[in-house]
Amino acid sequence: MSYHEPVMLQQCIEGLNIRQDGIYTDVTFGGGGHSKAILEHLGEKGRLFAFDQDEDAQVNRIADQRFTLIRDNFRNMQQHLSQQQALPLSGILADLGVSSHQFDEPGRGFSIRFDHDLDMRMDTRTGTTALEILNSGSEKELVAIFSGYGEVKNSKTLAAAIIQQRNKQPFTDAASLRNAIAHLVPKAAATQYMAQVYQALRIEVNDELAALKDLLVQSAASLEKGGRLVVMSYHSLEDRLVKNFISKGNFEGDDHKDIYGNSLGLVFKSLTKKPIVPDESEISRNPRSRSARLRIAEKL
């Protein structure tokens, strides 16, 4: 199965600063590319725990006694690793977003290229689909989703058009959504607009930003002193949360100080003042890496 080419592989491995006897976790296993590289740098006593809530990722399980794959959302990382007596960790790797496999699988509903039933769930065992959100969300909720998660400029008009259409006939698939909002899509930027709409729905369906916040808070508690946090994001909403948490210790980016002027809540030292981005050769080889932003931090 052609799954997902690991983005900025060398930079991620270097960022983890792997110790042979360390305990690491790859919280976004996917095709296993990053995990395989981590295992290559571990010795016999090293251990790697990987997470992926997508059933499709299970086929990429690595046959190695040092490796454990857990099918769950990474927001439950600390709970699982505590049960496995795998804390504290030496390093955490998170490659956020949607895998190439998920984009290329028509039935999953992640890509604007296909006609499908607008599922968009990473974990198909549970949760609400994008189609159900379109058919049941209030106008206020839809505006919040499209403006907050997709940064869609005409979110109010878009939400109103969706409500108007579903009052006539509920949405049934991607084509019914495209037809209902066709008159609102700017012709000069149609692909970008639909990508923003899809991104907003996907983030809502999978509660992605709240899950990322949970992961970052747990990372601060789960890493040993000097342990590395390596996070790759693909849009500004994710990157902003990662940047703020690393640099300020909170998600708002507020600089809280004590009476002596010392920053409060800081857990990490940023090792990347600016995010690392892929070079032109990687972008030409793997165009989907274009929007990747890599940040690396060390536990204080």
C-alpha atoms as a PDB file:
ATOM      1  CA  MET A   1       0.000   0.000   0.000  1.00  0.00           C
ATOM      2  CA  SER A   2       1.394   3.402  -0.980  1.00  0.00           C
ATOM      3  CA  TYR A   3       0.826   5.295   2.235  1.00  0.00           C
ATOM      4  CA  HIS A   4       2.795   8.399   3.097  1.00  0.00           C
ATOM      5  CA  GLU A   5       6.289   9.657   2.415  1.00  0.00           C
ATOM      6  CA  PRO A   6       7.756  10.934   5.694  1.00  0.00           C
ATOM      7  CA  VAL A   7       8.280  14.684   5.525  1.00  0.00           C
ATOM      8  CA  MET A   8      11.616  16.204   6.632  1.00  0.00           C
ATOM      9  CA  LEU A   9      12.726  12.785   7.883  1.00  0.00           C
ATOM     10  CA  GLN A  10      16.359  13.674   8.544  1.00  0.00           C
ATOM     11  CA  GLN A  11      15.457  16.903  10.343  1.00  0.00           C
ATOM     12  CA  CYS A  12      12.956  15.055  12.569  1.00  0.00           C
ATOM     13  CA  ILE A  13      15.484  12.369  13.521  1.00  0.00           C
ATOM     14  CA  GLU A  14      18.170  14.946  14.231  1.00  0.00           C
ATOM     15  CA  GLY A  15      15.676  16.938  16.298  1.00  0.00           C
ATOM     16  CA  LEU A  16      14.892  13.927  18.494  1.00  0.00           C
ATOM     17  CA  ASN A  17      18.610  13.562  19.354  1.00  0.00           C
ATOM     18  CA  ILE A  18      18.024   9.821  19.843  1.00  0.00           C
ATOM     19  CA  ARG A  19      19.745   7.898  22.626  1.00  0.00           C
ATOM     20  CA  GLN A  20      20.196   4.188  21.966  1.00  0.00           C
ATOM     21  CA  ASP A  21      18.554   3.208  25.262  1.00  0.00           C
ATOM     22  CA  GLY A  22      15.841   5.884  25.181  1.00  0.00           C
ATOM     23  CA  ILE A  23      12.058   5.540  25.151  1.00  0.00           C
ATOM     24  CA  TYR A  24      10.355   7.376  22.295  1.00  0.00           C
ATOM     25  CA  THR A  25       6.888   7.806  20.892  1.00  0.00           C
ATOM     26  CA  ASP A  26       5.705   8.584  17.377  1.00  0.00           C
ATOM     27  CA  VAL A  27       2.161   9.775  18.007  1.00  0.00           C
ATOM     28  CA  THR A  28       1.246   9.899  14.280  1.00  0.00           C
ATOM     29  CA  PHE A  29       2.413   6.530  12.956  1.00  0.00           C
ATOM     30  CA  GLY A  30       0.723   6.583   9.516  1.00  0.00           C
ATOM     31  CA  GLY A  31       2.929   4.766   7.030  1.00  0.00           C
ATOM     32  CA  GLY A  32       5.597   4.170   9.651  1.00  0.00           C
ATOM     33  CA  GLY A  33       8.382   6.058   7.869  1.00  0.00           C
ATOM     34  CA  HIS A  34       9.419   8.142  10.858  1.00  0.00           C
ATOM     35  CA  SER A  35       9.051   5.165  13.216  1.00  0.00           C
ATOM     36  CA  LYS A  36      11.324   2.966  11.095  1.00  0.00           C
ATOM     37  CA  ALA A  37      14.010   5.650  11.136  1.00  0.00           C
ATOM     38  CA  ILE A  38      13.738   6.013  14.925  1.00  0.00           C
ATOM     39  CA  LEU A  39      14.146   2.242  15.367  1.00  0.00           C
ATOM     40  CA  GLU A  40      17.278   2.326  13.204  1.00  0.00           C
ATOM     41  CA  HIS A  41      18.864   4.658  15.768  1.00  0.00           C
ATOM     42  CA  LEU A  42      17.777   2.691  18.854  1.00  0.00           C
ATOM     43  CA  GLY A  43      19.814  -0.028  20.533  1.00  0.00           C
ATOM     44  CA  GLU A  44      18.520  -3.297  21.976  1.00  0.00           C
ATOM     45  CA  LYS A  45      17.292  -1.598  25.150  1.00  0.00           C
ATOM     46  CA  GLY A  46      15.541   1.258  23.340  1.00  0.00           C
ATOM     47  CA  ARG A  47      11.752   1.282  22.960  1.00  0.00           C
ATOM     48  CA  LEU A  48       9.340   2.959  20.587  1.00  0.00           C
ATOM     49  CA  PHE A  49       5.599   3.375  21.135  1.00  0.00           C
ATOM     50  CA  ALA A  50       3.506   4.609  18.217  1.00  0.00           C
ATOM     51  CA  PHE A  51      -0.076   5.860  18.049  1.00  0.00           C
ATOM     52  CA  ASP A  52      -2.576   5.988  15.203  1.00  0.00           C
ATOM     53  CA  GLN A  53      -6.361   5.968  15.461  1.00  0.00           C
ATOM     54  CA  ASP A  54      -6.807   5.081  11.782  1.00  0.00           C
ATOM     55  CA  GLU A  55      -7.465   1.403  11.127  1.00  0.00           C
ATOM     56  CA  ASP A  56      -5.674   1.625   7.749  1.00  0.00           C
ATOM     57  CA  ALA A  57      -2.392   2.411   9.517  1.00  0.00           C
ATOM     58  CA  GLN A  58      -2.433  -0.966  11.268  1.00  0.00           C
ATOM     59  CA  VAL A  59      -1.258  -2.704   8.064  1.00  0.00           C
ATOM     60  CA  ASN A  60       2.059  -0.842   8.414  1.00  0.00           C
ATOM     61  CA  ARG A  61       2.804  -2.327  11.855  1.00  0.00           C
ATOM     62  CA  ILE A  62       6.536  -2.977  12.258  1.00  0.00           C
ATOM     63  CA  ALA A  63       7.696  -6.435  13.315  1.00  0.00           C
ATOM     64  CA  ASP A  64      10.209  -5.464  15.981  1.00  0.00           C
ATOM     65  CA  GLN A  65      10.196  -6.446  19.654  1.00  0.00           C
ATOM     66  CA  ARG A  66      11.173  -2.885  20.607  1.00  0.00           C
ATOM     67  CA  PHE A  67       8.043  -1.503  18.884  1.00  0.00           C
ATOM     68  CA  THR A  68       4.435  -1.196  20.102  1.00  0.00           C
ATOM     69  CA  LEU A  69       1.584   0.259  18.005  1.00  0.00           C
ATOM     70  CA  ILE A  70      -1.458   1.564  19.892  1.00  0.00           C
ATOM     71  CA  ARG A  71      -4.693   2.282  18.047  1.00  0.00           C
ATOM     72  CA  ASP A  72      -5.951   5.409  19.743  1.00  0.00           C
ATOM     73  CA  ASN A  73      -5.959   9.190  19.485  1.00  0.00           C
ATOM     74  CA  PHE A  74      -2.694  10.739  20.659  1.00  0.00           C
ATOM     75  CA  ARG A  75      -4.640  12.837  23.147  1.00  0.00           C
ATOM     76  CA  ASN A  76      -4.655   9.656  25.284  1.00  0.00           C
ATOM     77  CA  MET A  77      -0.869   9.222  25.063  1.00  0.00           C
ATOM     78  CA  GLN A  78      -0.041   9.706  28.737  1.00  0.00           C
ATOM     79  CA  GLN A  79      -2.669   7.224  29.910  1.00  0.00           C
ATOM     80  CA  HIS A  80      -1.427   4.455  27.617  1.00  0.00           C
ATOM     81  CA  LEU A  81       2.270   5.033  28.273  1.00  0.00           C
ATOM     82  CA  SER A  82       1.699   5.109  32.021  1.00  0.00           C
ATOM     83  CA  GLN A  83       0.019   1.697  31.744  1.00  0.00           C
ATOM     84  CA  GLN A  84       2.991   0.476  29.698  1.00  0.00           C
ATOM     85  CA  GLN A  85       5.408   1.818  32.357  1.00  0.00           C
ATOM     86  CA  ALA A  86       7.046   3.822  29.559  1.00  0.00           C
ATOM     87  CA  LEU A  87       7.374   7.181  31.324  1.00  0.00           C
ATOM     88  CA  PRO A  88       9.293   9.439  31.362  1.00  0.00           C
ATOM     89  CA  LEU A  89       9.973   9.687  27.626  1.00  0.00           C
ATOM     90  CA  SER A  90      13.204  10.630  25.884  1.00  0.00           C
ATOM     91  CA  GLY A  91      11.411  12.127  22.896  1.00  0.00           C
ATOM     92  CA  ILE A  92       8.054  12.720  21.218  1.00  0.00           C
ATOM     93  CA  LEU A  93       7.451  13.083  17.491  1.00  0.00           C
ATOM     94  CA  ALA A  94       4.177  14.395  16.044  1.00  0.00           C
ATOM     95  CA  ASP A  95       3.598  14.761  12.292  1.00  0.00           C
ATOM     96  CA  LEU A  96       0.184  16.429  12.322  1.00  0.00           C
ATOM     97  CA  GLY A  97      -2.431  16.568   9.581  1.00  0.00           C
ATOM     98  CA  VAL A  98      -3.732  14.061   7.062  1.00  0.00           C
ATOM     99  CA  SER A  99      -1.573  11.364   5.482  1.00  0.00           C
ATOM    100  CA  SER A 100      -1.191  11.044   1.715  1.00  0.00           C
ATOM    101  CA  HIS A 101      -3.007   7.719   1.939  1.00  0.00           C
ATOM    102  CA  GLN A 102      -6.004   9.326   3.614  1.00  0.00           C
ATOM    103  CA  PHE A 103      -6.124  12.065   0.969  1.00  0.00           C
ATOM    104  CA  ASP A 104      -5.845   9.513  -1.844  1.00  0.00           C
ATOM    105  CA  GLU A 105      -8.541   7.156  -0.501  1.00  0.00           C
ATOM    106  CA  PRO A 106     -11.817   8.417  -2.085  1.00  0.00           C
ATOM    107  CA  GLY A 107     -14.119   6.854   0.517  1.00  0.00           C
ATOM    108  CA  ARG A 108     -12.517   8.677   3.446  1.00  0.00           C
ATOM    109  CA  GLY A 109     -13.847  12.071   2.351  1.00  0.00           C
ATOM    110  CA  PHE A 110     -10.696  14.111   2.978  1.00  0.00           C
ATOM    111  CA  SER A 111      -9.965  15.221  -0.586  1.00  0.00           C
ATOM    112  CA  ILE A 112     -11.814  17.730  -2.748  1.00  0.00           C
ATOM    113  CA  ARG A 113     -10.804  15.659  -5.803  1.00  0.00           C
ATOM    114  CA  PHE A 114     -13.382  12.907  -5.306  1.00  0.00           C
ATOM    115  CA  ASP A 115     -17.117  12.379  -5.000  1.00  0.00           C
ATOM    116  CA  HIS A 116     -17.734  10.726  -1.644  1.00  0.00           C
ATOM    117  CA  ASP A 117     -20.070  10.746   1.356  1.00  0.00           C
ATOM    118  CA  LEU A 118     -18.116  13.351   3.383  1.00  0.00           C
ATOM    119  CA  ASP A 119     -17.067  11.134   6.287  1.00  0.00           C
ATOM    120  CA  MET A 120     -13.727  12.741   7.311  1.00  0.00           C
ATOM    121  CA  ARG A 121     -13.342  10.746  10.540  1.00  0.00           C
ATOM    122  CA  MET A 122      -9.774   9.688  11.332  1.00  0.00           C
ATOM    123  CA  ASP A 123     -11.208   6.977  13.581  1.00  0.00           C
ATOM    124  CA  THR A 124     -14.179   5.440  11.793  1.00  0.00           C
ATOM    125  CA  ARG A 125     -15.286   3.578  14.937  1.00  0.00           C
ATOM    126  CA  THR A 126     -16.772   6.642  16.575  1.00  0.00           C
ATOM    127  CA  GLY A 127     -17.777  10.280  16.235  1.00  0.00           C
ATOM    128  CA  THR A 128     -19.808  12.495  13.914  1.00  0.00           C
ATOM    129  CA  THR A 129     -19.173  12.700  10.163  1.00  0.00           C
ATOM    130  CA  ALA A 130     -18.813  15.915   8.177  1.00  0.00           C
ATOM    131  CA  LEU A 131     -22.073  15.079   6.411  1.00  0.00           C
ATOM    132  CA  GLU A 132     -23.905  14.891   9.742  1.00  0.00           C
ATOM    133  CA  ILE A 133     -22.449  18.266  10.780  1.00  0.00           C
ATOM    134  CA  LEU A 134     -23.641  19.882   7.533  1.00  0.00           C
ATOM    135  CA  ASN A 135     -27.130  18.469   8.039  1.00  0.00           C
ATOM    136  CA  SER A 136     -27.498  19.199  11.760  1.00  0.00           C
ATOM    137  CA  GLY A 137     -25.223  22.086  12.790  1.00  0.00           C
ATOM    138  CA  SER A 138     -26.903  25.415  13.593  1.00  0.00           C
ATOM    139  CA  GLU A 139     -26.085  28.438  11.467  1.00  0.00           C
ATOM    140  CA  LYS A 140     -24.077  29.930  14.353  1.00  0.00           C
ATOM    141  CA  GLU A 141     -22.100  26.700  14.762  1.00  0.00           C
ATOM    142  CA  LEU A 142     -21.356  26.483  11.036  1.00  0.00           C
ATOM    143  CA  VAL A 143     -20.136  30.088  10.941  1.00  0.00           C
ATOM    144  CA  ALA A 144     -17.800  29.349  13.867  1.00  0.00           C
ATOM    145  CA  ILE A 145     -16.453  26.206  12.152  1.00  0.00           C
ATOM    146  CA  PHE A 146     -15.769  27.819   8.775  1.00  0.00           C
ATOM    147  CA  SER A 147     -14.339  31.069  10.139  1.00  0.00           C
ATOM    148  CA  GLY A 148     -12.404  29.587  13.048  1.00  0.00           C
ATOM    149  CA  TYR A 149     -11.014  26.418  11.483  1.00  0.00           C
ATOM    150  CA  GLY A 150     -10.914  27.263   7.785  1.00  0.00           C
ATOM    151  CA  GLU A 151     -10.519  31.036   7.934  1.00  0.00           C
ATOM    152  CA  VAL A 152     -13.168  31.222   5.187  1.00  0.00           C
ATOM    153  CA  LYS A 153     -13.856  34.905   4.511  1.00  0.00           C
ATOM    154  CA  ASN A 154     -17.554  34.622   3.630  1.00  0.00           C
ATOM    155  CA  SER A 155     -18.387  32.172   6.445  1.00  0.00           C
ATOM    156  CA  LYS A 156     -21.738  33.788   7.275  1.00  0.00           C
ATOM    157  CA  THR A 157     -22.939  33.662   3.670  1.00  0.00           C
ATOM    158  CA  LEU A 158     -21.637  30.096   3.337  1.00  0.00           C
ATOM    159  CA  ALA A 159     -23.432  28.910   6.474  1.00  0.00           C
ATOM    160  CA  ALA A 160     -26.679  30.572   5.347  1.00  0.00           C
ATOM    161  CA  ALA A 161     -26.472  28.857   1.936  1.00  0.00           C
ATOM    162  CA  ILE A 162     -25.945  25.477   3.604  1.00  0.00           C
ATOM    163  CA  ILE A 163     -28.968  25.970   5.883  1.00  0.00           C
ATOM    164  CA  GLN A 164     -31.111  27.128   2.956  1.00  0.00           C
ATOM    165  CA  GLN A 165     -30.174  24.107   0.840  1.00  0.00           C
ATOM    166  CA  ARG A 166     -30.640  21.471   3.551  1.00  0.00           C
ATOM    167  CA  ASN A 167     -34.092  22.869   4.360  1.00  0.00           C
ATOM    168  CA  LYS A 168     -35.034  21.905   0.806  1.00  0.00           C
ATOM    169  CA  GLN A 169     -33.124  18.620   0.745  1.00  0.00           C
ATOM    170  CA  PRO A 170     -30.498  17.226   3.148  1.00  0.00           C
ATOM    171  CA  PHE A 171     -26.941  16.869   1.898  1.00  0.00           C
ATOM    172  CA  THR A 172     -26.075  13.368   0.732  1.00  0.00           C
ATOM    173  CA  ASP A 173     -22.511  13.588  -0.577  1.00  0.00           C
ATOM    174  CA  ALA A 174     -19.685  15.879  -1.703  1.00  0.00           C
ATOM    175  CA  ALA A 175     -21.421  16.724  -4.980  1.00  0.00           C
ATOM    176  CA  SER A 176     -24.507  18.010  -3.176  1.00  0.00           C
ATOM    177  CA  LEU A 177     -22.309  20.334  -1.096  1.00  0.00           C
ATOM    178  CA  ARG A 178     -20.397  21.621  -4.130  1.00  0.00           C
ATOM    179  CA  ASN A 179     -23.622  22.307  -6.026  1.00  0.00           C
ATOM    180  CA  ALA A 180     -25.188  24.154  -3.076  1.00  0.00           C
ATOM    181  CA  ILE A 181     -22.257  26.550  -2.605  1.00  0.00           C
ATOM    182  CA  ALA A 182     -21.001  26.837  -6.205  1.00  0.00           C
ATOM    183  CA  HIS A 183     -22.237  30.431  -6.501  1.00  0.00           C
ATOM    184  CA  LEU A 184     -20.101  31.449  -3.474  1.00  0.00           C
ATOM    185  CA  VAL A 185     -16.811  29.918  -4.622  1.00  0.00           C
ATOM    186  CA  PRO A 186     -14.400  32.495  -6.122  1.00  0.00           C
ATOM    187  CA  LYS A 187     -13.488  31.309  -9.619  1.00  0.00           C
ATOM    188  CA  ALA A 188      -9.906  32.528  -9.351  1.00  0.00           C
ATOM    189  CA  ALA A 189      -9.293  30.562  -6.138  1.00  0.00           C
ATOM    190  CA  ALA A 190     -11.801  27.713  -6.261  1.00  0.00           C
ATOM    191  CA  THR A 191      -9.365  24.985  -5.153  1.00  0.00           C
ATOM    192  CA  GLN A 192      -8.068  27.022  -2.221  1.00  0.00           C
ATOM    193  CA  TYR A 193     -11.589  27.936  -1.119  1.00  0.00           C
ATOM    194  CA  MET A 194     -12.840  24.344  -1.146  1.00  0.00           C
ATOM    195  CA  ALA A 195      -9.664  23.212   0.644  1.00  0.00           C
ATOM    196  CA  GLN A 196     -10.443  25.721   3.410  1.00  0.00           C
ATOM    197  CA  VAL A 197     -14.029  24.456   3.674  1.00  0.00           C
ATOM    198  CA  TYR A 198     -12.831  20.848   3.857  1.00  0.00           C
ATOM    199  CA  GLN A 199     -10.121  21.707   6.385  1.00  0.00           C
ATOM    200  CA  ALA A 200     -12.660  23.394   8.641  1.00  0.00           C
ATOM    201  CA  LEU A 201     -15.020  20.410   8.543  1.00  0.00           C
ATOM    202  CA  ARG A 202     -12.180  17.926   9.114  1.00  0.00           C
ATOM    203  CA  ILE A 203     -10.852  19.812  12.144  1.00  0.00           C
ATOM    204  CA  GLU A 204     -14.345  19.944  13.643  1.00  0.00           C
ATOM    205  CA  VAL A 205     -15.055  16.259  12.958  1.00  0.00           C
ATOM    206  CA  ASN A 206     -11.824  15.111  14.614  1.00  0.00           C
ATOM    207  CA  ASP A 207     -11.590  17.810  17.314  1.00  0.00           C
ATOM    208  CA  GLU A 208      -8.031  18.289  16.085  1.00  0.00           C
ATOM    209  CA  LEU A 209      -7.021  21.504  17.843  1.00  0.00           C
ATOM    210  CA  ALA A 210      -8.287  20.366  21.252  1.00  0.00           C
ATOM    211  CA  ALA A 211      -6.500  17.030  20.757  1.00  0.00           C
ATOM    212  CA  LEU A 212      -3.272  18.892  19.925  1.00  0.00           C
ATOM    213  CA  LYS A 213      -3.595  20.984  23.088  1.00  0.00           C
ATOM    214  CA  ASP A 214      -4.041  17.798  25.115  1.00  0.00           C
ATOM    215  CA  LEU A 215      -0.951  16.294  23.494  1.00  0.00           C
ATOM    216  CA  LEU A 216       1.210  19.348  24.199  1.00  0.00           C
ATOM    217  CA  VAL A 217       0.166  19.522  27.857  1.00  0.00           C
ATOM    218  CA  GLN A 218       0.840  15.792  28.255  1.00  0.00           C
ATOM    219  CA  SER A 219       4.186  16.154  26.473  1.00  0.00           C
ATOM    220  CA  ALA A 220       5.316  18.662  29.088  1.00  0.00           C
ATOM    221  CA  ALA A 221       4.431  16.201  31.844  1.00  0.00           C
ATOM    222  CA  SER A 222       5.708  13.058  30.084  1.00  0.00           C
ATOM    223  CA  LEU A 223       9.192  14.034  28.885  1.00  0.00           C
ATOM    224  CA  GLU A 224      12.299  13.636  31.004  1.00  0.00           C
ATOM    225  CA  LYS A 225      14.609  16.591  31.586  1.00  0.00           C
ATOM    226  CA  GLY A 226      16.409  17.234  28.289  1.00  0.00           C
ATOM    227  CA  GLY A 227      13.816  15.192  26.360  1.00  0.00           C
ATOM    228  CA  ARG A 228      12.906  16.437  22.914  1.00  0.00           C
ATOM    229  CA  LEU A 229       9.540  17.501  21.482  1.00  0.00           C
ATOM    230  CA  VAL A 230       9.438  17.479  17.658  1.00  0.00           C
ATOM    231  CA  VAL A 231       6.209  18.717  16.047  1.00  0.00           C
ATOM    232  CA  MET A 232       5.441  19.172  12.358  1.00  0.00           C
ATOM    233  CA  SER A 233       2.306  21.130  11.460  1.00  0.00           C
ATOM    234  CA  TYR A 234       0.690  21.997   8.146  1.00  0.00           C
ATOM    235  CA  HIS A 235      -1.432  25.078   8.792  1.00  0.00           C
ATOM    236  CA  SER A 236      -1.180  28.232  10.874  1.00  0.00           C
ATOM    237  CA  LEU A 237      -3.778  27.200  13.463  1.00  0.00           C
ATOM    238  CA  GLU A 238      -1.683  24.206  14.558  1.00  0.00           C
ATOM    239  CA  ASP A 239       1.656  25.969  14.265  1.00  0.00           C
ATOM    240  CA  ARG A 240       0.462  28.885  16.392  1.00  0.00           C
ATOM    241  CA  LEU A 241      -0.566  26.567  19.239  1.00  0.00           C
ATOM    242  CA  VAL A 242       2.774  24.724  19.113  1.00  0.00           C
ATOM    243  CA  LYS A 243       4.801  27.947  18.943  1.00  0.00           C
ATOM    244  CA  ASN A 244       2.916  29.589  21.818  1.00  0.00           C
ATOM    245  CA  PHE A 245       3.094  26.554  24.085  1.00  0.00           C
ATOM    246  CA  ILE A 246       6.818  26.084  23.540  1.00  0.00           C
ATOM    247  CA  SER A 247       7.750  29.751  23.876  1.00  0.00           C
ATOM    248  CA  LYS A 248       5.235  30.958  26.490  1.00  0.00           C
ATOM    249  CA  GLY A 249       3.884  27.857  28.246  1.00  0.00           C
ATOM    250  CA  ASN A 250       0.302  28.646  27.196  1.00  0.00           C
ATOM    251  CA  PHE A 251      -1.778  28.566  24.020  1.00  0.00           C
ATOM    252  CA  GLU A 252      -2.670  32.252  23.926  1.00  0.00           C
ATOM    253  CA  GLY A 253       0.934  33.432  23.593  1.00  0.00           C
ATOM    254  CA  ASP A 254       0.700  35.548  26.751  1.00  0.00           C
ATOM    255  CA  ASP A 255       3.947  36.237  28.583  1.00  0.00           C
ATOM    256  CA  HIS A 256       3.121  35.597  32.242  1.00  0.00           C
ATOM    257  CA  LYS A 257       5.883  36.732  34.629  1.00  0.00           C
ATOM    258  CA  ASP A 258       6.394  36.657  38.385  1.00  0.00           C
ATOM    259  CA  ILE A 259       7.241  39.755  40.423  1.00  0.00           C
ATOM    260  CA  TYR A 260      10.920  39.292  39.560  1.00  0.00           C
ATOM    261  CA  GLY A 261      10.272  39.262  35.824  1.00  0.00           C
ATOM    262  CA  ASN A 262      10.777  35.525  35.361  1.00  0.00           C
ATOM    263  CA  SER A 263       8.483  33.795  32.872  1.00  0.00           C
ATOM    264  CA  LEU A 264       5.897  31.508  34.462  1.00  0.00           C
ATOM    265  CA  GLY A 265       4.717  28.184  33.087  1.00  0.00           C
ATOM    266  CA  LEU A 266       7.702  27.629  30.804  1.00  0.00           C
ATOM    267  CA  VAL A 267       8.515  23.945  30.375  1.00  0.00           C
ATOM    268  CA  PHE A 268      10.443  23.982  27.099  1.00  0.00           C
ATOM    269  CA  LYS A 269      13.404  25.701  25.522  1.00  0.00           C
ATOM    270  CA  SER A 270      12.825  26.290  21.824  1.00  0.00           C
ATOM    271  CA  LEU A 271      15.611  24.978  19.592  1.00  0.00           C
ATOM    272  CA  THR A 272      14.069  26.508  16.459  1.00  0.00           C
ATOM    273  CA  LYS A 273      13.575  30.289  16.574  1.00  0.00           C
ATOM    274  CA  LYS A 274      11.896  29.991  13.197  1.00  0.00           C
ATOM    275  CA  PRO A 275      10.189  26.796  12.011  1.00  0.00           C
ATOM    276  CA  ILE A 276      12.224  24.507   9.757  1.00  0.00           C
ATOM    277  CA  VAL A 277      10.721  24.144   6.274  1.00  0.00           C
ATOM    278  CA  PRO A 278      11.425  21.586   3.531  1.00  0.00           C
ATOM    279  CA  ASP A 279      13.946  22.479   0.854  1.00  0.00           C
ATOM    280  CA  GLU A 280      13.067  22.828  -2.820  1.00  0.00           C
ATOM    281  CA  SER A 281      14.236  19.309  -3.695  1.00  0.00           C
ATOM    282  CA  GLU A 282      11.865  17.752  -1.152  1.00  0.00           C
ATOM    283  CA  ILE A 283       8.979  19.961  -2.276  1.00  0.00           C
ATOM    284  CA  SER A 284       9.536  18.960  -5.920  1.00  0.00           C
ATOM    285  CA  ARG A 285       9.702  15.289  -4.920  1.00  0.00           C
ATOM    286  CA  ASN A 286       6.756  15.497  -2.505  1.00  0.00           C
ATOM    287  CA  PRO A 287       4.544  18.574  -3.197  1.00  0.00           C
ATOM    288  CA  ARG A 288       2.420  17.874  -0.117  1.00  0.00           C
ATOM    289  CA  SER A 289       5.388  18.783   2.066  1.00  0.00           C
ATOM    290  CA  ARG A 290       5.183  22.403   0.884  1.00  0.00           C
ATOM    291  CA  SER A 291       3.181  23.685   3.857  1.00  0.00           C
ATOM    292  CA  ALA A 292       5.095  21.725   6.540  1.00  0.00           C
ATOM    293  CA  ARG A 293       6.543  23.655   9.480  1.00  0.00           C
ATOM    294  CA  LEU A 294       8.809  21.850  11.963  1.00  0.00           C
ATOM    295  CA  ARG A 295       9.457  23.048  15.528  1.00  0.00           C
ATOM    296  CA  ILE A 296      11.823  21.409  18.006  1.00  0.00           C
ATOM    297  CA  ALA A 297      12.016  21.979  21.754  1.00  0.00           C
ATOM    298  CA  GLU A 298      13.857  20.578  24.769  1.00  0.00           C
ATOM    299  CA  LYS A 299      12.326  19.927  28.185  1.00  0.00           C
ATOM    300  CA  LEU A 300      13.801  22.252  30.809  1.00  0.00           C
END
